[in-house]
Protein backbone atom coordinates (compact mmCIF):
# COMPACT_ATOMS: atom_id res chain seq x y z
CA MET A 1 -42.72 -72.48 -67.83
CA SER A 2 -45.82 -73.00 -65.38
CA PHE A 3 -47.87 -75.97 -66.01
CA LEU A 4 -50.80 -72.90 -66.68
CA GLU A 5 -48.11 -71.38 -69.92
CA TRP A 6 -47.56 -75.22 -70.76
CA ILE A 7 -51.26 -75.65 -71.10
CA ASP A 8 -52.44 -72.05 -72.77
CA GLY A 9 -49.29 -72.76 -75.56
CA ARG A 10 -51.52 -76.06 -76.98
CA ASN A 11 -54.17 -76.38 -78.45
CA ASN A 12 -54.43 -80.46 -77.93
CA ILE A 13 -54.97 -80.51 -74.34
CA SER A 14 -58.30 -79.90 -72.74
CA LEU A 15 -58.23 -80.41 -69.20
CA GLN A 16 -61.29 -82.15 -67.81
CA SER A 17 -62.28 -80.94 -64.41
CA ASP A 18 -63.65 -84.13 -63.27
CA ASP A 19 -61.28 -86.29 -63.86
CA ILE A 20 -58.10 -86.20 -61.47
CA LEU A 21 -56.46 -89.19 -63.85
CA ASN A 22 -56.95 -86.97 -67.33
CA LYS A 23 -54.93 -84.50 -64.72
CA ALA A 24 -52.72 -86.61 -63.81
CA ASP A 25 -51.40 -87.39 -67.21
CA ILE A 26 -51.36 -84.11 -68.24
CA ALA A 27 -49.21 -83.21 -65.68
CA SER A 28 -46.88 -85.83 -65.82
CA LYS A 29 -46.54 -85.13 -69.86
CA TRP A 30 -45.65 -81.00 -68.62
CA LEU A 31 -43.44 -82.80 -65.75
CA GLU A 32 -41.55 -84.60 -68.26
CA GLU A 33 -40.82 -81.71 -71.48
CA SER A 34 -40.15 -79.47 -68.26
CA ARG A 35 -37.38 -81.57 -67.13
CA ASP A 36 -35.88 -82.20 -70.80
CA ALA A 37 -35.87 -78.62 -70.77
CA LYS A 38 -34.17 -77.79 -67.46
CA HIS A 39 -36.75 -75.31 -66.44
CA LEU A 40 -37.04 -77.69 -63.12
CA CYS A 41 -34.54 -78.66 -60.54
CA GLU A 42 -34.08 -82.61 -60.74
CA ALA A 43 -34.84 -82.54 -57.11
CA TYR A 44 -38.58 -80.91 -57.33
CA ALA A 45 -39.22 -82.78 -60.35
CA GLU A 46 -38.63 -85.96 -58.33
CA VAL A 47 -40.87 -84.54 -56.07
CA VAL A 48 -43.71 -84.07 -58.22
CA ARG A 49 -43.28 -86.83 -59.93
CA LEU A 50 -43.93 -88.78 -56.74
CA CYS A 51 -46.87 -86.79 -55.78
CA LEU A 52 -48.77 -87.38 -59.32
CA GLU A 53 -48.04 -90.95 -59.80
CA CYS A 54 -48.54 -91.41 -55.32
CA SER A 55 -45.59 -93.79 -55.30
CA PHE A 56 -44.19 -93.35 -51.47
CA THR A 57 -42.59 -96.15 -50.31
CA PRO A 58 -43.41 -98.49 -48.57
CA VAL A 59 -45.85 -99.33 -50.79
CA GLN A 60 -48.89 -100.12 -49.81
CA SER A 61 -52.20 -101.74 -50.97
CA GLU A 62 -54.01 -99.17 -52.84
CA SER A 63 -56.82 -99.58 -50.13
CA GLN A 64 -54.14 -98.19 -47.45
CA ARG A 65 -52.83 -95.50 -50.02
CA THR A 66 -54.61 -92.65 -47.63
CA LEU A 67 -53.18 -90.09 -45.69
CA GLY A 68 -55.19 -91.69 -42.71
CA ASN A 69 -52.43 -94.12 -43.00
CA GLU A 70 -49.94 -93.79 -40.63
CA LYS A 71 -47.08 -95.17 -42.56
CA VAL A 72 -48.11 -93.53 -45.69
CA ARG A 73 -48.09 -90.19 -43.71
CA GLU A 74 -44.41 -90.83 -42.36
CA ALA A 75 -43.61 -91.96 -46.28
CA VAL A 76 -45.52 -88.25 -47.57
CA TYR A 77 -43.66 -86.20 -44.94
CA ARG A 78 -40.12 -87.79 -45.80
CA ASP A 79 -40.51 -88.21 -49.74
CA VAL A 80 -42.19 -84.48 -49.93
CA VAL A 81 -41.82 -82.64 -47.51
CA GLN A 82 -38.28 -82.67 -46.15
CA GLN A 83 -37.74 -83.06 -49.75
CA LEU A 84 -39.36 -79.97 -50.52
CA GLU A 85 -37.94 -78.36 -47.58
CA LYS A 86 -34.29 -79.32 -48.78
CA VAL A 87 -35.00 -77.68 -52.62
CA TYR A 88 -36.46 -74.67 -50.69
CA GLU A 89 -33.56 -74.22 -48.43
CA MET A 90 -31.13 -74.55 -51.66
CA PHE A 91 -32.88 -71.72 -53.42
CA THR A 92 -33.39 -69.15 -50.88
CA ASN A 93 -29.53 -69.47 -48.68
CA PRO A 94 -26.86 -67.89 -49.86
CA LEU A 95 -24.21 -69.73 -50.74
CA LYS A 96 -21.83 -70.60 -48.13
CA TYR A 97 -18.12 -70.43 -49.11
């Protein structure tokens, strides 16, 4: 179930368009429910969690946690881009015997 389908099926959730923390909190709830219901592959769910929590290693002080910081860019590439590439390969390539 997509994030928007999940929200549409609930009466108790309202997205506040200008509140990024509100959106991240709601998305985290969707992620946990989708993960528990096995609607997401675990590797993809982990990448989404990292993005929502902005928890990339090495942990930086909040003021340095921007894409202007080379270490943060490297961590995002390693923890998000490379992991999504692996998930993509897993779902788009036929099984090899």
